[in-house]
C-alpha atoms as a PDB file:
ATOM      1  CA  MET A   1    -153.319 -61.210 -20.961  1.00  0.00           C
ATOM      2  CA  ALA A   2    -151.041 -60.212 -23.993  1.00  0.00           C
ATOM      3  CA  ASP A   3    -150.862 -56.825 -25.725  1.00  0.00           C
ATOM      4  CA  THR A   4    -149.815 -58.145 -28.787  1.00  0.00           C
ATOM      5  CA  MET A   5    -150.080 -61.207 -31.138  1.00  0.00           C
ATOM      6  CA  GLN A   6    -147.816 -62.374 -34.263  1.00  0.00           C
ATOM      7  CA  PHE A   7    -149.046 -61.184 -37.552  1.00  0.00           C
ATOM      8  CA  ASP A   8    -147.606 -62.479 -40.896  1.00  0.00           C
ATOM      9  CA  LEU A   9    -148.958 -61.368 -44.652  1.00  0.00           C
ATOM     10  CA  VAL A  10    -147.394 -63.067 -47.414  1.00  0.00           C
ATOM     11  CA  SER A  11    -148.372 -62.901 -51.041  1.00  0.00           C
ATOM     12  CA  PRO A  12    -147.164 -65.479 -53.822  1.00  0.00           C
ATOM     13  CA  GLU A  13    -144.290 -63.008 -54.426  1.00  0.00           C
ATOM     14  CA  ARG A  14    -142.955 -61.904 -51.036  1.00  0.00           C
ATOM     15  CA  SER A  15    -143.372 -61.654 -47.308  1.00  0.00           C
ATOM     16  CA  LEU A  16    -144.871 -58.334 -46.755  1.00  0.00           C
ATOM     17  CA  MET A  17    -144.833 -57.971 -43.124  1.00  0.00           C
ATOM     18  CA  SER A  18    -143.937 -60.199 -39.694  1.00  0.00           C
ATOM     19  CA  ALA A  19    -144.374 -58.490 -36.783  1.00  0.00           C
ATOM     20  CA  GLN A  20    -146.006 -58.310 -33.169  1.00  0.00           C
ATOM     21  CA  VAL A  21    -149.226 -56.212 -33.564  1.00  0.00           C
ATOM     22  CA  LYS A  22    -152.099 -54.816 -31.580  1.00  0.00           C
ATOM     23  CA  SER A  23    -154.802 -55.694 -34.112  1.00  0.00           C
ATOM     24  CA  VAL A  24    -155.436 -55.843 -37.394  1.00  0.00           C
ATOM     25  CA  GLN A  25    -158.647 -55.045 -39.395  1.00  0.00           C
ATOM     26  CA  LEU A  26    -159.258 -57.611 -42.098  1.00  0.00           C
ATOM     27  CA  PRO A  27    -161.850 -57.123 -45.240  1.00  0.00           C
ATOM     28  CA  GLY A  28    -163.300 -60.192 -44.618  1.00  0.00           C
ATOM     29  CA  ALA A  29    -165.598 -62.117 -47.480  1.00  0.00           C
ATOM     30  CA  ASP A  30    -168.501 -61.819 -45.200  1.00  0.00           C
ATOM     31  CA  GLY A  31    -168.023 -58.462 -43.561  1.00  0.00           C
ATOM     32  CA  ASP A  32    -164.961 -56.650 -42.027  1.00  0.00           C
ATOM     33  CA  MET A  33    -163.414 -57.869 -38.639  1.00  0.00           C
ATOM     34  CA  THR A  34    -160.745 -56.903 -36.349  1.00  0.00           C
ATOM     35  CA  ALA A  35    -158.284 -59.654 -34.991  1.00  0.00           C
ATOM     36  CA  MET A  36    -156.790 -58.831 -31.440  1.00  0.00           C
ATOM     37  CA  PRO A  37    -154.764 -60.644 -29.039  1.00  0.00           C
ATOM     38  CA  ASN A  38    -156.736 -63.641 -27.562  1.00  0.00           C
ATOM     39  CA  HIS A  39    -159.464 -63.666 -30.557  1.00  0.00           C
ATOM     40  CA  ALA A  40    -161.535 -66.802 -30.995  1.00  0.00           C
ATOM     41  CA  PRO A  41    -159.897 -69.011 -33.799  1.00  0.00           C
ATOM     42  CA  VAL A  42    -161.247 -68.260 -37.063  1.00  0.00           C
ATOM     43  CA  ILE A  43    -160.241 -69.042 -40.430  1.00  0.00           C
ATOM     44  CA  THR A  44    -161.974 -66.464 -43.198  1.00  0.00           C
ATOM     45  CA  THR A  45    -161.562 -65.612 -46.590  1.00  0.00           C
ATOM     46  CA  LEU A  46    -161.110 -62.023 -47.941  1.00  0.00           C
ATOM     47  CA  ARG A  47    -162.316 -59.514 -50.455  1.00  0.00           C
ATOM     48  CA  PRO A  48    -160.612 -56.850 -52.054  1.00  0.00           C
ATOM     49  CA  GLY A  49    -160.141 -54.162 -49.591  1.00  0.00           C
ATOM     50  CA  VAL A  50    -157.601 -52.298 -47.305  1.00  0.00           C
ATOM     51  CA  LEU A  51    -155.810 -54.605 -44.554  1.00  0.00           C
ATOM     52  CA  LYS A  52    -155.065 -52.104 -41.142  1.00  0.00           C
ATOM     53  CA  VAL A  53    -152.466 -53.451 -39.087  1.00  0.00           C
ATOM     54  CA  GLU A  54    -151.906 -51.629 -36.022  1.00  0.00           C
ATOM     55  CA  THR A  55    -148.528 -51.591 -34.375  1.00  0.00           C
ATOM     56  CA  GLU A  56    -146.630 -50.097 -31.392  1.00  0.00           C
ATOM     57  CA  LYS A  57    -145.073 -47.842 -33.762  1.00  0.00           C
ATOM     58  CA  GLY A  58    -148.209 -46.609 -35.702  1.00  0.00           C
ATOM     59  CA  THR A  59    -150.596 -48.180 -38.473  1.00  0.00           C
ATOM     60  CA  GLU A  60    -149.445 -49.872 -41.701  1.00  0.00           C
ATOM     61  CA  GLU A  61    -152.389 -50.362 -44.561  1.00  0.00           C
ATOM     62  CA  PHE A  62    -151.980 -53.019 -47.297  1.00  0.00           C
ATOM     63  CA  VAL A  63    -154.611 -53.040 -50.163  1.00  0.00           C
ATOM     64  CA  VAL A  64    -155.441 -56.858 -50.932  1.00  0.00           C
ATOM     65  CA  THR A  65    -157.294 -58.407 -53.423  1.00  0.00           C
ATOM     66  CA  GLY A  66    -158.646 -61.171 -51.831  1.00  0.00           C
ATOM     67  CA  GLY A  67    -157.060 -64.462 -50.122  1.00  0.00           C
ATOM     68  CA  PHE A  68    -157.201 -66.160 -46.510  1.00  0.00           C
ATOM     69  CA  ALA A  69    -156.930 -65.293 -42.774  1.00  0.00           C
ATOM     70  CA  GLU A  70    -156.437 -67.609 -40.256  1.00  0.00           C
ATOM     71  CA  LEU A  71    -156.358 -66.701 -36.621  1.00  0.00           C
ATOM     72  CA  GLY A  72    -155.582 -68.590 -33.544  1.00  0.00           C
ATOM     73  CA  GLU A  73    -152.474 -67.763 -31.166  1.00  0.00           C
ATOM     74  CA  SER A  74    -151.312 -65.590 -34.146  1.00  0.00           C
ATOM     75  CA  LEU A  75    -152.905 -64.244 -37.340  1.00  0.00           C
ATOM     76  CA  SER A  76    -151.413 -65.441 -40.858  1.00  0.00           C
ATOM     77  CA  VAL A  77    -152.689 -63.585 -44.179  1.00  0.00           C
ATOM     78  CA  LEU A  78    -152.297 -65.337 -47.522  1.00  0.00           C
ATOM     79  CA  ALA A  79    -153.060 -62.833 -49.725  1.00  0.00           C
ATOM     80  CA  GLU A  80    -153.730 -63.235 -53.337  1.00  0.00           C
ATOM     81  CA  ARG A  81    -152.046 -60.178 -53.964  1.00  0.00           C
ATOM     82  CA  ALA A  82    -150.788 -57.397 -51.437  1.00  0.00           C
ATOM     83  CA  VAL A  83    -149.419 -54.045 -51.945  1.00  0.00           C
ATOM     84  CA  PRO A  84    -148.543 -51.496 -49.443  1.00  0.00           C
ATOM     85  CA  ARG A  85    -150.904 -48.516 -49.238  1.00  0.00           C
ATOM     86  CA  GLY A  86    -148.220 -46.102 -50.095  1.00  0.00           C
ATOM     87  CA  ASP A  87    -147.249 -48.166 -53.303  1.00  0.00           C
ATOM     88  CA  VAL A  88    -150.677 -47.622 -54.953  1.00  0.00           C
ATOM     89  CA  ASP A  89    -150.760 -44.917 -57.189  1.00  0.00           C
ATOM     90  CA  GLN A  90    -153.538 -44.319 -59.869  1.00  0.00           C
ATOM     91  CA  ALA A  91    -151.894 -46.407 -62.517  1.00  0.00           C
ATOM     92  CA  THR A  92    -151.364 -49.534 -60.159  1.00  0.00           C
ATOM     93  CA  TYR A  93    -154.888 -49.266 -58.931  1.00  0.00           C
ATOM     94  CA  GLU A  94    -156.268 -49.001 -62.559  1.00  0.00           C
ATOM     95  CA  ALA A  95    -154.239 -52.156 -63.299  1.00  0.00           C
ATOM     96  CA  MET A  96    -155.734 -54.125 -60.638  1.00  0.00           C
ATOM     97  CA  VAL A  97    -159.593 -52.970 -61.187  1.00  0.00           C
ATOM     98  CA  ASP A  98    -158.494 -53.904 -64.858  1.00  0.00           C
ATOM     99  CA  GLU A  99    -157.637 -57.485 -63.724  1.00  0.00           C
ATOM    100  CA  ALA A 100    -160.842 -57.508 -61.798  1.00  0.00           C
ATOM    101  CA  GLN A 101    -162.662 -56.356 -65.086  1.00  0.00           C
ATOM    102  CA  THR A 102    -160.864 -59.030 -67.408  1.00  0.00           C
ATOM    103  CA  SER A 103    -161.962 -61.628 -64.869  1.00  0.00           C
ATOM    104  CA  TYR A 104    -165.239 -60.607 -65.012  1.00  0.00           C
ATOM    105  CA  TYR A 105    -165.841 -60.520 -68.682  1.00  0.00           C
ATOM    106  CA  GLN A 106    -164.225 -64.253 -69.091  1.00  0.00           C
ATOM    107  CA  THR A 107    -166.467 -65.395 -65.731  1.00  0.00           C
ATOM    108  CA  LYS A 108    -169.433 -64.019 -67.940  1.00  0.00           C
ATOM    109  CA  GLU A 109    -168.570 -65.784 -71.148  1.00  0.00           C
ATOM    110  CA  THR A 110    -167.557 -69.279 -69.420  1.00  0.00           C
ATOM    111  CA  PHE A 111    -170.547 -69.230 -67.438  1.00  0.00           C
ATOM    112  CA  LYS A 112    -173.446 -67.811 -69.598  1.00  0.00           C
ATOM    113  CA  ASN A 113    -176.533 -69.592 -67.729  1.00  0.00           C
ATOM    114  CA  GLU A 114    -175.060 -69.682 -64.667  1.00  0.00           C
ATOM    115  CA  PRO A 115    -175.419 -66.792 -62.632  1.00  0.00           C
ATOM    116  CA  GLY A 116    -173.659 -67.607 -59.289  1.00  0.00           C
ATOM    117  CA  PRO A 117    -170.141 -67.511 -60.572  1.00  0.00           C
ATOM    118  CA  VAL A 118    -170.932 -64.404 -62.594  1.00  0.00           C
ATOM    119  CA  ASP A 119    -172.515 -62.587 -59.539  1.00  0.00           C
ATOM    120  CA  ASP A 120    -169.306 -63.726 -57.671  1.00  0.00           C
ATOM    121  CA  ALA A 121    -167.106 -61.996 -60.317  1.00  0.00           C
ATOM    122  CA  ALA A 122    -169.397 -58.782 -60.598  1.00  0.00           C
ATOM    123  CA  LYS A 123    -169.131 -58.553 -56.812  1.00  0.00           C
ATOM    124  CA  LEU A 124    -165.067 -58.927 -56.712  1.00  0.00           C
ATOM    125  CA  LEU A 125    -165.186 -56.057 -59.276  1.00  0.00           C
ATOM    126  CA  ALA A 126    -167.306 -53.694 -57.686  1.00  0.00           C
ATOM    127  CA  ASP A 127    -165.295 -54.549 -54.174  1.00  0.00           C
ATOM    128  CA  MET A 128    -162.211 -53.709 -56.380  1.00  0.00           C
ATOM    129  CA  VAL A 129    -163.617 -50.629 -57.599  1.00  0.00           C
ATOM    130  CA  ALA A 130    -164.704 -49.493 -54.191  1.00  0.00           C
ATOM    131  CA  VAL A 131    -161.071 -49.666 -52.668  1.00  0.00           C
ATOM    132  CA  GLY A 132    -160.163 -46.586 -54.922  1.00  0.00           C
ATOM    133  CA  THR A 133    -162.870 -44.946 -52.878  1.00  0.00           C
ATOM    134  CA  HIS A 134    -161.504 -45.878 -49.652  1.00  0.00           C
ATOM    135  CA  ILE A 135    -157.772 -44.927 -50.681  1.00  0.00           C
ATOM    136  CA  GLY A 136    -158.706 -41.989 -52.233  1.00  0.00           C
ATOM    137  CA  LEU A 137    -158.075 -42.952 -55.899  1.00  0.00           C
ATOM    138  CA  SER A 138    -160.866 -42.934 -58.600  1.00  0.00           C
ATOM    139  CA  PRO A 139    -161.050 -45.839 -61.147  1.00  0.00           C
ATOM    140  CA  LYS A 140    -162.027 -45.505 -64.612  1.00  0.00           C
ATOM    141  CA  GLN A 141    -165.755 -46.647 -64.266  1.00  0.00           C
ATOM    142  CA  PRO A 142    -165.928 -50.358 -65.432  1.00  0.00           C
ATOM    143  CA  SER A 143    -169.081 -51.244 -67.816  1.00  0.00           C
ATOM    144  CA  LEU A 144    -170.542 -54.522 -66.640  1.00  0.00           C
END
């Protein structure tokens, strides 16, 4: 039984990590999950949150805004946007929340009589706001 598995984290801009890891905690759209070696194969979508990677050298964290994860013999995460936790300051975090809020307003305007997409956009915004609490930053309070 292997103690580690291959993990790759990429965003449209760059590859953020490629390493052998012990485990990865994912902010799954249907709930948080921990991927470990020999995990059953699964594909899941991600919600905004903190992705925690445990390596032989310690834990690394990344803030993700969404994306997909494919787990088989290895784990590949294709993030919409991913930023190392250490690079997320108050201004960066507020810009991420502002993007989610703008998306919410646009969705609300486009889908006036369709609650599904508007509810999804509101949840995305709420999840992005919650990330700040998790990493110790406080957002400007969005107005829904």
